[in-house]
PDB file of N, CA and C in Angstrom:
ATOM      1  N   MET A   1     109.119  46.550   9.238  1.00  0.00           N
ATOM      2  CA  MET A   1     107.903  46.845   9.957  1.00  0.00           C
ATOM      3  C   MET A   1     106.806  45.881   9.515  1.00  0.00           C
ATOM      4  N   ARG A   2     106.749  45.664   8.215  1.00  0.00           N
ATOM      5  CA  ARG A   2     105.721  44.734   7.726  1.00  0.00           C
ATOM      6  C   ARG A   2     105.934  43.328   8.279  1.00  0.00           C
ATOM      7  N   ARG A   3     107.187  42.877   8.345  1.00  0.00           N
ATOM      8  CA  ARG A   3     107.472  41.546   8.899  1.00  0.00           C
ATOM      9  C   ARG A   3     107.005  41.458  10.349  1.00  0.00           C
ATOM     10  N   ALA A   4     107.294  42.498  11.124  1.00  0.00           N
ATOM     11  CA  ALA A   4     106.900  42.494  12.537  1.00  0.00           C
ATOM     12  C   ALA A   4     105.384  42.472  12.678  1.00  0.00           C
ATOM     13  N   PHE A   5     104.697  43.283  11.888  1.00  0.00           N
ATOM     14  CA  PHE A   5     103.236  43.307  11.957  1.00  0.00           C
ATOM     15  C   PHE A   5     102.650  41.981  11.483  1.00  0.00           C
ATOM     16  N   ASP A   6     103.217  41.413  10.400  1.00  0.00           N
ATOM     17  CA  ASP A   6     102.730  40.132   9.901  1.00  0.00           C
ATOM     18  C   ASP A   6     102.892  39.032  10.950  1.00  0.00           C
ATOM     19  N   ALA A   7     104.017  39.022  11.643  1.00  0.00           N
ATOM     20  CA  ALA A   7     104.280  38.005  12.656  1.00  0.00           C
ATOM     21  C   ALA A   7     103.267  38.073  13.791  1.00  0.00           C
ATOM     22  N   GLU A   8     102.799  39.283  14.086  1.00  0.00           N
ATOM     23  CA  GLU A   8     101.821  39.476  15.164  1.00  0.00           C
ATOM     24  C   GLU A   8     100.384  39.404  14.645  1.00  0.00           C
ATOM     25  N   GLY A   9     100.232  39.315  13.313  1.00  0.00           N
ATOM     26  CA  GLY A   9      98.890  39.308  12.727  1.00  0.00           C
ATOM     27  C   GLY A   9      98.190  40.645  12.843  1.00  0.00           C
ATOM     28  N   LYS A  10      98.972  41.720  12.914  1.00  0.00           N
ATOM     29  CA  LYS A  10      98.404  43.063  13.066  1.00  0.00           C
ATOM     30  C   LYS A  10      98.247  43.732  11.702  1.00  0.00           C
ATOM     31  N   PRO A  11      97.246  44.596  11.564  1.00  0.00           N
ATOM     32  CA  PRO A  11      97.106  45.348  10.306  1.00  0.00           C
ATOM     33  C   PRO A  11      98.188  46.424  10.213  1.00  0.00           C
ATOM     34  N   TYR A  12      98.534  46.792   8.999  1.00  0.00           N
ATOM     35  CA  TYR A  12      99.569  47.805   8.797  1.00  0.00           C
ATOM     36  C   TYR A  12      99.089  49.195   9.189  1.00  0.00           C
ATOM     37  N   GLY A  13      97.822  49.458   9.042  1.00  0.00           N
ATOM     38  CA  GLY A  13      97.328  50.804   9.291  1.00  0.00           C
ATOM     39  C   GLY A  13      97.792  51.745   8.199  1.00  0.00           C
ATOM     40  N   GLU A  14      97.757  53.006   8.485  1.00  0.00           N
ATOM     41  CA  GLU A  14      98.160  54.004   7.500  1.00  0.00           C
ATOM     42  C   GLU A  14      99.669  54.227   7.601  1.00  0.00           C
ATOM     43  N   LEU A  15     100.386  53.948   6.515  1.00  0.00           N
ATOM     44  CA  LEU A  15     101.830  54.104   6.508  1.00  0.00           C
ATOM     45  C   LEU A  15     102.208  55.410   5.813  1.00  0.00           C
ATOM     46  N   ALA A  16     103.241  56.040   6.309  1.00  0.00           N
ATOM     47  CA  ALA A  16     103.710  57.308   5.745  1.00  0.00           C
ATOM     48  C   ALA A  16     104.423  57.067   4.421  1.00  0.00           C
ATOM     49  N   ASP A  17     104.367  58.065   3.572  1.00  0.00           N
ATOM     50  CA  ASP A  17     105.079  58.026   2.304  1.00  0.00           C
ATOM     51  C   ASP A  17     106.578  58.195   2.587  1.00  0.00           C
ATOM     52  N   PRO A  18     107.432  57.303   2.073  1.00  0.00           N
ATOM     53  CA  PRO A  18     108.869  57.395   2.355  1.00  0.00           C
ATOM     54  C   PRO A  18     109.487  58.740   1.959  1.00  0.00           C
ATOM     55  N   ASP A  19     109.010  59.348   0.879  1.00  0.00           N
ATOM     56  CA  ASP A  19     109.544  60.648   0.470  1.00  0.00           C
ATOM     57  C   ASP A  19     109.230  61.721   1.509  1.00  0.00           C
ATOM     58  N   ASP A  20     108.024  61.662   2.083  1.00  0.00           N
ATOM     59  CA  ASP A  20     107.653  62.626   3.123  1.00  0.00           C
ATOM     60  C   ASP A  20     108.506  62.425   4.375  1.00  0.00           C
ATOM     61  N   VAL A  21     108.720  61.166   4.750  1.00  0.00           N
ATOM     62  CA  VAL A  21     109.528  60.866   5.935  1.00  0.00           C
ATOM     63  C   VAL A  21     110.952  61.386   5.736  1.00  0.00           C
ATOM     64  N   ALA A  22     111.512  61.134   4.561  1.00  0.00           N
ATOM     65  CA  ALA A  22     112.881  61.580   4.275  1.00  0.00           C
ATOM     66  C   ALA A  22     112.975  63.098   4.299  1.00  0.00           C
ATOM     67  N   ALA A  23     112.006  63.780   3.704  1.00  0.00           N
ATOM     68  CA  ALA A  23     112.028  65.247   3.664  1.00  0.00           C
ATOM     69  C   ALA A  23     111.956  65.835   5.074  1.00  0.00           C
ATOM     70  N   VAL A  24     111.067  65.296   5.902  1.00  0.00           N
ATOM     71  CA  VAL A  24     110.939  65.795   7.275  1.00  0.00           C
ATOM     72  C   VAL A  24     112.210  65.486   8.069  1.00  0.00           C
ATOM     73  N   ALA A  25     112.770  64.299   7.875  1.00  0.00           N
ATOM     74  CA  ALA A  25     114.009  63.940   8.578  1.00  0.00           C
ATOM     75  C   ALA A  25     115.126  64.911   8.228  1.00  0.00           C
ATOM     76  N   LEU A  26     115.256  65.234   6.953  1.00  0.00           N
ATOM     77  CA  LEU A  26     116.291  66.182   6.535  1.00  0.00           C
ATOM     78  C   LEU A  26     116.029  67.571   7.095  1.00  0.00           C
ATOM     79  N   ASP A  27     114.759  67.966   7.154  1.00  0.00           N
ATOM     80  CA  ASP A  27     114.406  69.277   7.720  1.00  0.00           C
ATOM     81  C   ASP A  27     114.748  69.369   9.205  1.00  0.00           C
ATOM     82  N   HIS A  28     114.794  68.229   9.883  1.00  0.00           N
ATOM     83  CA  HIS A  28     114.990  68.224  11.341  1.00  0.00           C
ATOM     84  C   HIS A  28     116.318  67.615  11.774  1.00  0.00           C
ATOM     85  N   LEU A  29     117.298  67.587  10.906  1.00  0.00           N
ATOM     86  CA  LEU A  29     118.598  67.039  11.283  1.00  0.00           C
ATOM     87  C   LEU A  29     119.178  67.731  12.515  1.00  0.00           C
ATOM     88  N   ALA A  30     119.003  69.020  12.609  1.00  0.00           N
ATOM     89  CA  ALA A  30     119.554  69.774  13.741  1.00  0.00           C
ATOM     90  C   ALA A  30     118.757  69.560  15.025  1.00  0.00           C
ATOM     91  N   ASP A  31     117.583  68.927  14.920  1.00  0.00           N
ATOM     92  CA  ASP A  31     116.723  68.724  16.086  1.00  0.00           C
ATOM     93  C   ASP A  31     116.913  67.358  16.729  1.00  0.00           C
ATOM     94  N   GLY A  32     117.890  66.594  16.254  1.00  0.00           N
ATOM     95  CA  GLY A  32     118.102  65.208  16.680  1.00  0.00           C
ATOM     96  C   GLY A  32     118.774  65.106  18.021  1.00  0.00           C
ATOM     97  N   PRO A  33     119.227  63.928  18.366  1.00  0.00           N
ATOM     98  CA  PRO A  33     119.541  62.812  17.484  1.00  0.00           C
ATOM     99  C   PRO A  33     118.344  61.954  17.098  1.00  0.00           C
ATOM    100  N   THR A  34     117.194  62.168  17.686  1.00  0.00           N
ATOM    101  CA  THR A  34     116.015  61.370  17.358  1.00  0.00           C
ATOM    102  C   THR A  34     114.894  62.284  16.912  1.00  0.00           C
ATOM    103  N   TRP A  35     114.245  61.914  15.799  1.00  0.00           N
ATOM    104  CA  TRP A  35     113.062  62.646  15.338  1.00  0.00           C
ATOM    105  C   TRP A  35     112.087  61.618  14.799  1.00  0.00           C
ATOM    106  N   ILE A  36     110.930  61.461  15.432  1.00  0.00           N
ATOM    107  CA  ILE A  36     109.954  60.452  15.048  1.00  0.00           C
ATOM    108  C   ILE A  36     108.883  61.110  14.186  1.00  0.00           C
ATOM    109  N   TYR A  37     108.845  60.720  12.938  1.00  0.00           N
ATOM    110  CA  TYR A  37     107.918  61.295  11.960  1.00  0.00           C
ATOM    111  C   TYR A  37     106.472  61.132  12.425  1.00  0.00           C
ATOM    112  N   GLY A  38     105.717  62.223  12.387  1.00  0.00           N
ATOM    113  CA  GLY A  38     104.292  62.187  12.674  1.00  0.00           C
ATOM    114  C   GLY A  38     103.916  62.080  14.146  1.00  0.00           C
ATOM    115  N   SER A  39     104.880  62.113  15.026  1.00  0.00           N
ATOM    116  CA  SER A  39     104.604  61.951  16.451  1.00  0.00           C
ATOM    117  C   SER A  39     104.259  63.290  17.099  1.00  0.00           C
ATOM    118  N   ASP A  40     103.410  63.229  18.127  1.00  0.00           N
ATOM    119  CA  ASP A  40     103.127  64.431  18.922  1.00  0.00           C
ATOM    120  C   ASP A  40     104.351  64.836  19.734  1.00  0.00           C
ATOM    121  N   THR A  41     105.208  63.873  20.041  1.00  0.00           N
ATOM    122  CA  THR A  41     106.466  64.121  20.742  1.00  0.00           C
ATOM    123  C   THR A  41     107.597  63.586  19.866  1.00  0.00           C
ATOM    124  N   PRO A  42     107.963  64.336  18.831  1.00  0.00           N
ATOM    125  CA  PRO A  42     108.899  63.813  17.824  1.00  0.00           C
ATOM    126  C   PRO A  42     110.290  63.475  18.342  1.00  0.00           C
ATOM    127  N   THR A  43     110.703  64.018  19.482  1.00  0.00           N
ATOM    128  CA  THR A  43     112.002  63.620  20.018  1.00  0.00           C
ATOM    129  C   THR A  43     111.876  62.312  20.782  1.00  0.00           C
ATOM    130  N   GLY A  44     110.670  61.823  20.961  1.00  0.00           N
ATOM    131  CA  GLY A  44     110.438  60.511  21.526  1.00  0.00           C
ATOM    132  C   GLY A  44     110.790  60.354  22.989  1.00  0.00           C
ATOM    133  N   GLY A  45     111.065  61.431  23.656  1.00  0.00           N
ATOM    134  CA  GLY A  45     111.447  61.310  25.054  1.00  0.00           C
ATOM    135  C   GLY A  45     112.801  60.634  25.219  1.00  0.00           C
ATOM    136  N   SER A  46     113.597  60.714  24.180  1.00  0.00           N
ATOM    137  CA  SER A  46     114.914  60.092  24.211  1.00  0.00           C
ATOM    138  C   SER A  46     115.759  60.695  25.323  1.00  0.00           C
ATOM    139  N   PRO A  47     116.555  59.867  26.014  1.00  0.00           N
ATOM    140  CA  PRO A  47     117.454  60.428  27.022  1.00  0.00           C
ATOM    141  C   PRO A  47     118.492  61.356  26.400  1.00  0.00           C
ATOM    142  N   PHE A  48     118.659  61.272  25.084  1.00  0.00           N
ATOM    143  CA  PHE A  48     119.603  62.130  24.383  1.00  0.00           C
ATOM    144  C   PHE A  48     118.921  63.345  23.766  1.00  0.00           C
ATOM    145  N   GLY A  49     117.607  63.461  23.922  1.00  0.00           N
ATOM    146  CA  GLY A  49     116.841  64.512  23.268  1.00  0.00           C
ATOM    147  C   GLY A  49     117.292  65.922  23.603  1.00  0.00           C
ATOM    148  N   ALA A  50     117.780  66.142  24.811  1.00  0.00           N
ATOM    149  CA  ALA A  50     118.199  67.477  25.221  1.00  0.00           C
ATOM    150  C   ALA A  50     119.621  67.797  24.779  1.00  0.00           C
ATOM    151  N   LEU A  51     120.346  66.787  24.295  1.00  0.00           N
ATOM    152  CA  LEU A  51     121.734  66.995  23.887  1.00  0.00           C
ATOM    153  C   LEU A  51     121.822  67.384  22.416  1.00  0.00           C
ATOM    154  N   SER A  52     122.886  68.059  22.080  1.00  0.00           N
ATOM    155  CA  SER A  52     123.145  68.300  20.660  1.00  0.00           C
ATOM    156  C   SER A  52     123.470  66.954  20.017  1.00  0.00           C
ATOM    157  N   ARG A  53     123.357  66.873  18.704  1.00  0.00           N
ATOM    158  CA  ARG A  53     123.666  65.629  18.000  1.00  0.00           C
ATOM    159  C   ARG A  53     125.085  65.160  18.334  1.00  0.00           C
ATOM    160  N   ARG A  54     126.044  66.095  18.325  1.00  0.00           N
ATOM    161  CA  ARG A  54     127.441  65.750  18.598  1.00  0.00           C
ATOM    162  C   ARG A  54     127.600  65.174  20.004  1.00  0.00           C
ATOM    163  N   ASP A  55     126.991  65.832  20.991  1.00  0.00           N
ATOM    164  CA  ASP A  55     127.111  65.352  22.364  1.00  0.00           C
ATOM    165  C   ASP A  55     126.433  63.992  22.548  1.00  0.00           C
ATOM    166  N   ALA A  56     125.313  63.780  21.874  1.00  0.00           N
ATOM    167  CA  ALA A  56     124.637  62.484  21.963  1.00  0.00           C
ATOM    168  C   ALA A  56     125.495  61.380  21.353  1.00  0.00           C
ATOM    169  N   VAL A  57     126.109  61.641  20.198  1.00  0.00           N
ATOM    170  CA  VAL A  57     126.981  60.655  19.562  1.00  0.00           C
ATOM    171  C   VAL A  57     128.171  60.350  20.459  1.00  0.00           C
ATOM    172  N   LEU A  58     128.754  61.383  21.051  1.00  0.00           N
ATOM    173  CA  LEU A  58     129.883  61.162  21.961  1.00  0.00           C
ATOM    174  C   LEU A  58     129.466  60.325  23.168  1.00  0.00           C
ATOM    175  N   ALA A  59     128.293  60.603  23.724  1.00  0.00           N
ATOM    176  CA  ALA A  59     127.815  59.837  24.878  1.00  0.00           C
ATOM    177  C   ALA A  59     127.570  58.382  24.495  1.00  0.00           C
ATOM    178  N   MET A  60     126.972  58.153  23.326  1.00  0.00           N
ATOM    179  CA  MET A  60     126.730  56.782  22.879  1.00  0.00           C
ATOM    180  C   MET A  60     128.046  56.067  22.602  1.00  0.00           C
ATOM    181  N   SER A  61     129.014  56.782  22.046  1.00  0.00           N
ATOM    182  CA  SER A  61     130.320  56.187  21.762  1.00  0.00           C
ATOM    183  C   SER A  61     131.034  55.793  23.049  1.00  0.00           C
ATOM    184  N   ARG A  62     130.956  56.655  24.045  1.00  0.00           N
ATOM    185  CA  ARG A  62     131.567  56.334  25.343  1.00  0.00           C
ATOM    186  C   ARG A  62     130.908  55.090  25.938  1.00  0.00           C
ATOM    187  N   GLY A  63     129.593  55.021  25.827  1.00  0.00           N
ATOM    188  CA  GLY A  63     128.887  53.860  26.361  1.00  0.00           C
ATOM    189  C   GLY A  63     129.255  52.589  25.635  1.00  0.00           C
ATOM    190  N   ALA A  64     129.370  52.657  24.319  1.00  0.00           N
ATOM    191  CA  ALA A  64     129.728  51.473  23.532  1.00  0.00           C
ATOM    192  C   ALA A  64     131.147  51.024  23.837  1.00  0.00           C
ATOM    193  N   SER A  65     132.059  51.981  23.999  1.00  0.00           N
ATOM    194  CA  SER A  65     133.454  51.599  24.256  1.00  0.00           C
ATOM    195  C   SER A  65     133.604  50.999  25.647  1.00  0.00           C
ATOM    196  N   ALA A  66     132.708  51.331  26.561  1.00  0.00           N
ATOM    197  CA  ALA A  66     132.764  50.771  27.910  1.00  0.00           C
ATOM    198  C   ALA A  66     132.416  49.281  27.908  1.00  0.00           C
ATOM    199  N   HIS A  67     131.704  48.844  26.850  1.00  0.00           N
ATOM    200  CA  HIS A  67     131.295  47.440  26.746  1.00  0.00           C
ATOM    201  C   HIS A  67     132.271  46.596  25.962  1.00  0.00           C
ATOM    202  N   GLY A  68     133.327  47.189  25.426  1.00  0.00           N
ATOM    203  CA  GLY A  68     134.318  46.430  24.671  1.00  0.00           C
ATOM    204  C   GLY A  68     133.918  46.248  23.221  1.00  0.00           C
ATOM    205  N   ASP A  69     134.712  45.475  22.515  1.00  0.00           N
ATOM    206  CA  ASP A  69     134.514  45.280  21.073  1.00  0.00           C
ATOM    207  C   ASP A  69     133.347  44.388  20.730  1.00  0.00           C
ATOM    208  N   ASP A  70     132.889  43.533  21.626  1.00  0.00           N
ATOM    209  CA  ASP A  70     131.810  42.625  21.274  1.00  0.00           C
ATOM    210  C   ASP A  70     130.444  43.149  21.664  1.00  0.00           C
ATOM    211  N   ALA A  71     130.306  44.447  21.855  1.00  0.00           N
ATOM    212  CA  ALA A  71     128.998  45.024  22.212  1.00  0.00           C
ATOM    213  C   ALA A  71     128.121  45.093  21.002  1.00  0.00           C
TER     214      ALA A  71
END
C-alpha cells in the first residue's frame, strides 16, 4: 500500500493497526469471503458477498479452471 501511495505521491492517511485488522478479520471469518476492515459496507459489494465462503470458493475455482492452467 505504501509503494502504491508513494508512486502516486499520495499521503498515507490514517492506517489501521495490523493487530486490530487481524482480530476483526478472525471475528468475521464466517461473514466472508470478503470483509473490508473499517468500511461502512464491509462485504464490499462483492459478487460473492451473498454466498457462503465454501460456495464462493467453489465458484472462483470453477471460473479459474475454465481459463486453463495459465490463468
